[in-house]
PDB file of all heavy atoms in Angstrom:
ATOM      1  N   PHE A   1       0.852  -1.186   0.000  1.00  0.00           N
ATOM      2  CA  PHE A   1       0.000   0.000   0.000  1.00  0.00           C
ATOM      3  C   PHE A   1       0.884   1.231   0.000  1.00  0.00           C
ATOM      4  O   PHE A   1       1.613   1.478   0.963  1.00  0.00           O
ATOM      5  CB  PHE A   1      -0.905  -0.031   1.240  1.00  0.00           C
ATOM      6  CG  PHE A   1      -2.181   0.740   1.086  1.00  0.00           C
ATOM      7  CD1 PHE A   1      -3.130   0.362   0.157  1.00  0.00           C
ATOM      8  CD2 PHE A   1      -2.422   1.860   1.871  1.00  0.00           C
ATOM      9  CE1 PHE A   1      -4.309   1.077   0.016  1.00  0.00           C
ATOM     10  CE2 PHE A   1      -3.595   2.581   1.733  1.00  0.00           C
ATOM     11  CZ  PHE A   1      -4.543   2.187   0.798  1.00  0.00           C
ATOM     12  N   PRO A   2       0.848   2.028  -1.065  1.00  0.00           N
ATOM     13  CA  PRO A   2       1.741   3.193  -1.170  1.00  0.00           C
ATOM     14  C   PRO A   2       1.546   4.173  -0.020  1.00  0.00           C
ATOM     15  O   PRO A   2       0.439   4.366   0.477  1.00  0.00           O
ATOM     16  CB  PRO A   2       1.328   3.831  -2.513  1.00  0.00           C
ATOM     17  CG  PRO A   2       0.668   2.728  -3.279  1.00  0.00           C
ATOM     18  CD  PRO A   2      -0.005   1.864  -2.250  1.00  0.00           C
ATOM     19  N   ASP A   3       2.639   4.798   0.370  1.00  0.00           N
ATOM     20  CA  ASP A   3       2.600   5.720   1.503  1.00  0.00           C
ATOM     21  C   ASP A   3       1.708   6.924   1.240  1.00  0.00           C
ATOM     22  O   ASP A   3       1.126   7.485   2.164  1.00  0.00           O
ATOM     23  CB  ASP A   3       4.018   6.197   1.834  1.00  0.00           C
ATOM     24  CG  ASP A   3       4.083   6.905   3.180  1.00  0.00           C
ATOM     25  OD1 ASP A   3       3.790   6.254   4.194  1.00  0.00           O
ATOM     26  OD2 ASP A   3       4.403   8.103   3.202  1.00  0.00           O
ATOM     27  N   ARG A   4       1.557   7.304  -0.016  1.00  0.00           N
ATOM     28  CA  ARG A   4       0.714   8.469  -0.318  1.00  0.00           C
ATOM     29  C   ARG A   4      -0.755   8.207   0.004  1.00  0.00           C
ATOM     30  O   ARG A   4      -1.538   9.146   0.175  1.00  0.00           O
ATOM     31  CB  ARG A   4       0.866   8.863  -1.790  1.00  0.00           C
ATOM     32  CG  ARG A   4       0.306   7.857  -2.795  1.00  0.00           C
ATOM     33  CD  ARG A   4       0.501   8.366  -4.208  1.00  0.00           C
ATOM     34  NE  ARG A   4      -0.038   7.476  -5.213  1.00  0.00           N
ATOM     35  CZ  ARG A   4       0.588   6.431  -5.722  1.00  0.00           C
ATOM     36  NH1 ARG A   4       1.822   6.151  -5.308  1.00  0.00           N
ATOM     37  NH2 ARG A   4       0.022   5.655  -6.626  1.00  0.00           N
ATOM     38  N   TRP A   5      -1.135   6.906   0.088  1.00  0.00           N
ATOM     39  CA  TRP A   5      -2.491   6.559   0.501  1.00  0.00           C
ATOM     40  C   TRP A   5      -2.523   6.107   1.952  1.00  0.00           C
ATOM     41  O   TRP A   5      -3.546   6.239   2.623  1.00  0.00           O
ATOM     42  CB  TRP A   5      -3.039   5.435  -0.393  1.00  0.00           C
ATOM     43  CG  TRP A   5      -3.206   5.846  -1.810  1.00  0.00           C
ATOM     44  CD1 TRP A   5      -2.505   5.381  -2.892  1.00  0.00           C
ATOM     45  CD2 TRP A   5      -4.126   6.817  -2.317  1.00  0.00           C
ATOM     46  NE1 TRP A   5      -2.929   6.000  -4.041  1.00  0.00           N
ATOM     47  CE2 TRP A   5      -3.939   6.881  -3.708  1.00  0.00           C
ATOM     48  CE3 TRP A   5      -5.091   7.631  -1.726  1.00  0.00           C
ATOM     49  CZ2 TRP A   5      -4.668   7.747  -4.513  1.00  0.00           C
ATOM     50  CZ3 TRP A   5      -5.820   8.488  -2.528  1.00  0.00           C
ATOM     51  CH2 TRP A   5      -5.605   8.537  -3.902  1.00  0.00           C
ATOM     52  N   ARG A   6      -1.407   5.585   2.417  1.00  0.00           N
ATOM     53  CA  ARG A   6      -1.356   5.054   3.774  1.00  0.00           C
ATOM     54  C   ARG A   6      -1.594   6.147   4.821  1.00  0.00           C
ATOM     55  O   ARG A   6      -2.407   5.986   5.734  1.00  0.00           O
ATOM     56  CB  ARG A   6       0.010   4.391   4.007  1.00  0.00           C
ATOM     57  CG  ARG A   6       0.138   3.651   5.325  1.00  0.00           C
ATOM     58  CD  ARG A   6       1.570   3.162   5.501  1.00  0.00           C
ATOM     59  NE  ARG A   6       1.961   2.275   4.424  1.00  0.00           N
ATOM     60  CZ  ARG A   6       1.811   0.959   4.452  1.00  0.00           C
ATOM     61  NH1 ARG A   6       1.276   0.395   5.513  1.00  0.00           N
ATOM     62  NH2 ARG A   6       2.209   0.215   3.437  1.00  0.00           N
ATOM     63  N   GLN A   7      -0.912   7.262   4.685  1.00  0.00           N
ATOM     64  CA  GLN A   7      -1.015   8.314   5.701  1.00  0.00           C
ATOM     65  C   GLN A   7      -2.404   8.951   5.759  1.00  0.00           C
ATOM     66  O   GLN A   7      -2.954   9.138   6.857  1.00  0.00           O
ATOM     67  CB  GLN A   7       0.069   9.379   5.463  1.00  0.00           C
ATOM     68  CG  GLN A   7       1.492   8.869   5.646  1.00  0.00           C
ATOM     69  CD  GLN A   7       1.702   8.223   7.005  1.00  0.00           C
ATOM     70  OE1 GLN A   7       1.202   8.725   8.024  1.00  0.00           O
ATOM     71  NE2 GLN A   7       2.448   7.122   7.052  1.00  0.00           N
ATOM     72  N   PRO A   8      -3.040   9.282   4.619  1.00  0.00           N
ATOM     73  CA  PRO A   8      -4.418   9.789   4.690  1.00  0.00           C
ATOM     74  C   PRO A   8      -5.378   8.786   5.301  1.00  0.00           C
ATOM     75  O   PRO A   8      -6.302   9.161   6.034  1.00  0.00           O
ATOM     76  CB  PRO A   8      -4.773  10.077   3.231  1.00  0.00           C
ATOM     77  CG  PRO A   8      -3.468  10.287   2.550  1.00  0.00           C
ATOM     78  CD  PRO A   8      -2.509   9.372   3.242  1.00  0.00           C
ATOM     79  N   LEU A   9      -5.159   7.493   5.016  1.00  0.00           N
ATOM     80  CA  LEU A   9      -6.028   6.466   5.580  1.00  0.00           C
ATOM     81  C   LEU A   9      -5.838   6.365   7.088  1.00  0.00           C
ATOM     82  O   LEU A   9      -6.813   6.230   7.842  1.00  0.00           O
ATOM     83  CB  LEU A   9      -5.741   5.120   4.913  1.00  0.00           C
ATOM     84  CG  LEU A   9      -6.701   3.975   5.259  1.00  0.00           C
ATOM     85  CD1 LEU A   9      -8.118   4.292   4.788  1.00  0.00           C
ATOM     86  CD2 LEU A   9      -6.219   2.674   4.608  1.00  0.00           C
ATOM     87  N   TYR A  10      -4.591   6.438   7.541  1.00  0.00           N
ATOM     88  CA  TYR A  10      -4.321   6.422   8.977  1.00  0.00           C
ATOM     89  C   TYR A  10      -5.016   7.586   9.672  1.00  0.00           C
ATOM     90  O   TYR A  10      -5.646   7.422  10.731  1.00  0.00           O
ATOM     91  CB  TYR A  10      -2.814   6.526   9.235  1.00  0.00           C
ATOM     92  CG  TYR A  10      -2.009   5.280   8.934  1.00  0.00           C
ATOM     93  CD1 TYR A  10      -0.624   5.278   9.088  1.00  0.00           C
ATOM     94  CD2 TYR A  10      -2.621   4.114   8.478  1.00  0.00           C
ATOM     95  CE1 TYR A  10       0.132   4.147   8.818  1.00  0.00           C
ATOM     96  CE2 TYR A  10      -1.870   2.989   8.191  1.00  0.00           C
ATOM     97  CZ  TYR A  10      -0.494   3.006   8.363  1.00  0.00           C
ATOM     98  OH  TYR A  10       0.256   1.899   8.090  1.00  0.00           O
ATOM     99  N   ARG A  11      -4.889   8.768   9.075  1.00  0.00           N
ATOM    100  CA  ARG A  11      -5.503   9.949   9.694  1.00  0.00           C
ATOM    101  C   ARG A  11      -7.027   9.814   9.751  1.00  0.00           C
ATOM    102  O   ARG A  11      -7.649  10.179  10.759  1.00  0.00           O
ATOM    103  CB  ARG A  11      -5.097  11.212   8.925  1.00  0.00           C
ATOM    104  CG  ARG A  11      -3.639  11.596   9.100  1.00  0.00           C
ATOM    105  CD  ARG A  11      -3.382  12.999   8.600  1.00  0.00           C
ATOM    106  NE  ARG A  11      -3.567  13.095   7.148  1.00  0.00           N
ATOM    107  CZ  ARG A  11      -2.602  12.899   6.257  1.00  0.00           C
ATOM    108  NH1 ARG A  11      -1.375  12.585   6.658  1.00  0.00           N
ATOM    109  NH2 ARG A  11      -2.833  13.039   4.976  1.00  0.00           N
ATOM    110  N   PHE A  12      -7.604   9.298   8.678  1.00  0.00           N
ATOM    111  CA  PHE A  12      -9.052   9.114   8.671  1.00  0.00           C
ATOM    112  C   PHE A  12      -9.472   8.092   9.717  1.00  0.00           C
ATOM    113  O   PHE A  12     -10.449   8.294  10.455  1.00  0.00           O
ATOM    114  CB  PHE A  12      -9.528   8.657   7.290  1.00  0.00           C
ATOM    115  CG  PHE A  12     -10.949   8.172   7.280  1.00  0.00           C
ATOM    116  CD1 PHE A  12     -12.006   9.055   7.405  1.00  0.00           C
ATOM    117  CD2 PHE A  12     -11.231   6.809   7.174  1.00  0.00           C
ATOM    118  CE1 PHE A  12     -13.320   8.605   7.418  1.00  0.00           C
ATOM    119  CE2 PHE A  12     -12.535   6.354   7.191  1.00  0.00           C
ATOM    120  CZ  PHE A  12     -13.579   7.262   7.303  1.00  0.00           C
ATOM    121  N   GLY A  13      -8.762   6.964   9.798  1.00  0.00           N
ATOM    122  CA  GLY A  13      -9.107   5.934  10.776  1.00  0.00           C
ATOM    123  C   GLY A  13      -9.024   6.443  12.203  1.00  0.00           C
ATOM    124  O   GLY A  13      -9.894   6.157  13.028  1.00  0.00           O
ATOM    125  N   GLN A  14      -7.988   7.213  12.499  1.00  0.00           N
ATOM    126  CA  GLN A  14      -7.846   7.758  13.843  1.00  0.00           C
ATOM    127  C   GLN A  14      -8.974   8.733  14.155  1.00  0.00           C
ATOM    128  O   GLN A  14      -9.555   8.708  15.246  1.00  0.00           O
ATOM    129  CB  GLN A  14      -6.495   8.453  13.992  1.00  0.00           C
ATOM    130  CG  GLN A  14      -6.237   8.973  15.398  1.00  0.00           C
ATOM    131  CD  GLN A  14      -4.828   9.518  15.562  1.00  0.00           C
ATOM    132  OE1 GLN A  14      -4.167   9.864  14.594  1.00  0.00           O
ATOM    133  NE2 GLN A  14      -4.356   9.588  16.794  1.00  0.00           N
ATOM    134  N   ARG A  15      -9.301   9.570  13.184  1.00  0.00           N
ATOM    135  CA  ARG A  15     -10.378  10.540  13.400  1.00  0.00           C
ATOM    136  C   ARG A  15     -11.723   9.831  13.570  1.00  0.00           C
ATOM    137  O   ARG A  15     -12.539  10.209  14.417  1.00  0.00           O
ATOM    138  CB  ARG A  15     -10.436  11.506  12.219  1.00  0.00           C
ATOM    139  CG  ARG A  15     -11.422  12.664  12.417  1.00  0.00           C
ATOM    140  CD  ARG A  15     -11.438  13.559  11.208  1.00  0.00           C
ATOM    141  NE  ARG A  15     -12.437  14.617  11.354  1.00  0.00           N
ATOM    142  CZ  ARG A  15     -12.867  15.366  10.354  1.00  0.00           C
ATOM    143  NH1 ARG A  15     -12.389  15.177   9.132  1.00  0.00           N
ATOM    144  NH2 ARG A  15     -13.780  16.289  10.568  1.00  0.00           N
ATOM    145  N   LEU A  16     -11.948   8.790  12.775  1.00  0.00           N
ATOM    146  CA  LEU A  16     -13.205   8.047  12.850  1.00  0.00           C
ATOM    147  C   LEU A  16     -13.383   7.409  14.215  1.00  0.00           C
ATOM    148  O   LEU A  16     -14.424   7.570  14.864  1.00  0.00           O
ATOM    149  CB  LEU A  16     -13.236   6.969  11.759  1.00  0.00           C
ATOM    150  CG  LEU A  16     -14.424   6.004  11.777  1.00  0.00           C
ATOM    151  CD1 LEU A  16     -15.725   6.749  11.492  1.00  0.00           C
ATOM    152  CD2 LEU A  16     -14.211   4.885  10.757  1.00  0.00           C
ATOM    153  N   LEU A  17     -12.378   6.689  14.685  1.00  0.00           N
ATOM    154  CA  LEU A  17     -12.486   6.000  15.963  1.00  0.00           C
ATOM    155  C   LEU A  17     -12.545   6.982  17.131  1.00  0.00           C
ATOM    156  O   LEU A  17     -13.260   6.741  18.108  1.00  0.00           O
ATOM    157  CB  LEU A  17     -11.319   5.029  16.141  1.00  0.00           C
ATOM    158  CG  LEU A  17     -11.305   3.833  15.174  1.00  0.00           C
ATOM    159  CD1 LEU A  17     -10.112   2.932  15.457  1.00  0.00           C
ATOM    160  CD2 LEU A  17     -12.590   3.034  15.277  1.00  0.00           C
ATOM    161  N   HIS A  18     -11.807   8.070  17.026  1.00  0.00           N
ATOM    162  CA  HIS A  18     -11.854   9.076  18.085  1.00  0.00           C
ATOM    163  C   HIS A  18     -13.247   9.704  18.168  1.00  0.00           C
ATOM    164  O   HIS A  18     -13.796   9.877  19.270  1.00  0.00           O
ATOM    165  CB  HIS A  18     -10.805  10.149  17.829  1.00  0.00           C
ATOM    166  CG  HIS A  18     -10.818  11.262  18.842  1.00  0.00           C
ATOM    167  ND1 HIS A  18     -10.332  11.108  20.117  1.00  0.00           N
ATOM    168  CD2 HIS A  18     -11.297  12.538  18.771  1.00  0.00           C
ATOM    169  CE1 HIS A  18     -10.487  12.241  20.787  1.00  0.00           C
ATOM    170  NE2 HIS A  18     -11.075  13.117  19.994  1.00  0.00           N
ATOM    171  N   THR A  19     -13.825  10.029  17.024  1.00  0.00           N
ATOM    172  CA  THR A  19     -15.142  10.656  16.995  1.00  0.00           C
ATOM    173  C   THR A  19     -16.221   9.715  17.508  1.00  0.00           C
ATOM    174  O   THR A  19     -17.182  10.139  18.154  1.00  0.00           O
ATOM    175  CB  THR A  19     -15.484  11.120  15.569  1.00  0.00           C
ATOM    176  OG1 THR A  19     -14.435  11.958  15.074  1.00  0.00           O
ATOM    177  CG2 THR A  19     -16.801  11.893  15.543  1.00  0.00           C
ATOM    178  N   LEU A  20     -16.064   8.420  17.237  1.00  0.00           N
ATOM    179  CA  LEU A  20     -17.036   7.424  17.686  1.00  0.00           C
ATOM    180  C   LEU A  20     -16.792   6.983  19.126  1.00  0.00           C
ATOM    181  O   LEU A  20     -17.516   6.120  19.633  1.00  0.00           O
ATOM    182  CB  LEU A  20     -16.997   6.202  16.767  1.00  0.00           C
ATOM    183  CG  LEU A  20     -17.504   6.412  15.333  1.00  0.00           C
ATOM    184  CD1 LEU A  20     -17.254   5.158  14.502  1.00  0.00           C
ATOM    185  CD2 LEU A  20     -18.988   6.767  15.333  1.00  0.00           C
ATOM    186  N   ALA A  21     -15.794   7.570  19.791  1.00  0.00           N
ATOM    187  CA  ALA A  21     -15.456   7.213  21.177  1.00  0.00           C
ATOM    188  C   ALA A  21     -15.241   5.715  21.313  1.00  0.00           C
ATOM    189  O   ALA A  21     -15.775   5.051  22.211  1.00  0.00           O
ATOM    190  CB  ALA A  21     -16.556   7.692  22.130  1.00  0.00           C
ATOM    191  N   ALA A  22     -14.439   5.169  20.429  1.00  0.00           N
ATOM    192  CA  ALA A  22     -14.206   3.728  20.390  1.00  0.00           C
ATOM    193  C   ALA A  22     -13.416   3.264  21.610  1.00  0.00           C
ATOM    194  O   ALA A  22     -12.403   3.856  21.960  1.00  0.00           O
ATOM    195  CB  ALA A  22     -13.451   3.355  19.118  1.00  0.00           C
ATOM    196  N   PRO A  23     -13.868   2.187  22.256  1.00  0.00           N
ATOM    197  CA  PRO A  23     -13.095   1.610  23.366  1.00  0.00           C
ATOM    198  C   PRO A  23     -11.920   0.804  22.825  1.00  0.00           C
ATOM    199  O   PRO A  23     -11.887   0.457  21.638  1.00  0.00           O
ATOM    200  CB  PRO A  23     -14.122   0.705  24.055  1.00  0.00           C
ATOM    201  CG  PRO A  23     -15.063   0.305  22.968  1.00  0.00           C
ATOM    202  CD  PRO A  23     -15.148   1.494  22.049  1.00  0.00           C
ATOM    203  N   PRO A  24     -10.925   0.498  23.660  1.00  0.00           N
ATOM    204  CA  PRO A  24      -9.785  -0.291  23.199  1.00  0.00           C
ATOM    205  C   PRO A  24     -10.227  -1.631  22.603  1.00  0.00           C
ATOM    206  O   PRO A  24     -11.008  -2.366  23.206  1.00  0.00           O
ATOM    207  CB  PRO A  24      -8.955  -0.496  24.466  1.00  0.00           C
ATOM    208  CG  PRO A  24      -9.289   0.689  25.316  1.00  0.00           C
ATOM    209  CD  PRO A  24     -10.750   0.950  25.061  1.00  0.00           C
ATOM    210  N   ALA A  25      -9.737  -1.929  21.425  1.00  0.00           N
ATOM    211  CA  ALA A  25     -10.081  -3.164  20.708  1.00  0.00           C
ATOM    212  C   ALA A  25      -9.311  -3.168  19.397  1.00  0.00           C
ATOM    213  O   ALA A  25      -8.619  -2.204  19.056  1.00  0.00           O
ATOM    214  CB  ALA A  25     -11.586  -3.245  20.440  1.00  0.00           C
ATOM    215  N   THR A  26      -9.436  -4.258  18.655  1.00  0.00           N
ATOM    216  CA  THR A  26      -8.896  -4.323  17.299  1.00  0.00           C
ATOM    217  C   THR A  26     -10.034  -4.089  16.320  1.00  0.00           C
ATOM    218  O   THR A  26     -11.055  -4.789  16.368  1.00  0.00           O
ATOM    219  CB  THR A  26      -8.244  -5.689  17.030  1.00  0.00           C
ATOM    220  OG1 THR A  26      -7.061  -5.816  17.834  1.00  0.00           O
ATOM    221  CG2 THR A  26      -7.843  -5.826  15.571  1.00  0.00           C
ATOM    222  N   TYR A  27      -9.853  -3.122  15.439  1.00  0.00           N
ATOM    223  CA  TYR A  27     -10.875  -2.749  14.467  1.00  0.00           C
ATOM    224  C   TYR A  27     -10.384  -3.028  13.055  1.00  0.00           C
ATOM    225  O   TYR A  27      -9.183  -2.969  12.773  1.00  0.00           O
ATOM    226  CB  TYR A  27     -11.217  -1.258  14.598  1.00  0.00           C
ATOM    227  CG  TYR A  27     -11.822  -0.900  15.930  1.00  0.00           C
ATOM    228  CD1 TYR A  27     -11.002  -0.630  17.039  1.00  0.00           C
ATOM    229  CD2 TYR A  27     -13.201  -0.848  16.103  1.00  0.00           C
ATOM    230  CE1 TYR A  27     -11.554  -0.316  18.271  1.00  0.00           C
ATOM    231  CE2 TYR A  27     -13.759  -0.534  17.340  1.00  0.00           C
ATOM    232  CZ  TYR A  27     -12.931  -0.271  18.415  1.00  0.00           C
ATOM    233  OH  TYR A  27     -13.486   0.033  19.638  1.00  0.00           O
ATOM    234  N   LEU A  28     -11.325  -3.324  12.173  1.00  0.00           N
ATOM    235  CA  LEU A  28     -11.020  -3.441  10.753  1.00  0.00           C
ATOM    236  C   LEU A  28     -11.772  -2.343  10.013  1.00  0.00           C
ATOM    237  O   LEU A  28     -13.010  -2.328   9.999  1.00  0.00           O
ATOM    238  CB  LEU A  28     -11.428  -4.814  10.203  1.00  0.00           C
ATOM    239  CG  LEU A  28     -10.643  -6.032  10.698  1.00  0.00           C
ATOM    240  CD1 LEU A  28     -11.061  -7.278   9.913  1.00  0.00           C
ATOM    241  CD2 LEU A  28      -9.144  -5.829  10.581  1.00  0.00           C
ATOM    242  N   LEU A  29     -11.021  -1.433   9.420  1.00  0.00           N
ATOM    243  CA  LEU A  29     -11.603  -0.375   8.612  1.00  0.00           C
ATOM    244  C   LEU A  29     -11.664  -0.865   7.174  1.00  0.00           C
ATOM    245  O   LEU A  29     -10.638  -1.017   6.508  1.00  0.00           O
ATOM    246  CB  LEU A  29     -10.739   0.892   8.723  1.00  0.00           C
ATOM    247  CG  LEU A  29     -11.098   2.069   7.817  1.00  0.00           C
ATOM    248  CD1 LEU A  29     -12.536   2.529   8.063  1.00  0.00           C
ATOM    249  CD2 LEU A  29     -10.118   3.206   8.020  1.00  0.00           C
TER     250      LEU A  29
END
């Protein structure tokens, strides 16, 4: 997975889980 897509995806995943108040767990986006 190219880094130019990896970093935006990481940022989106972090924002999504933070906004949803996700408890500690393993998630699949």
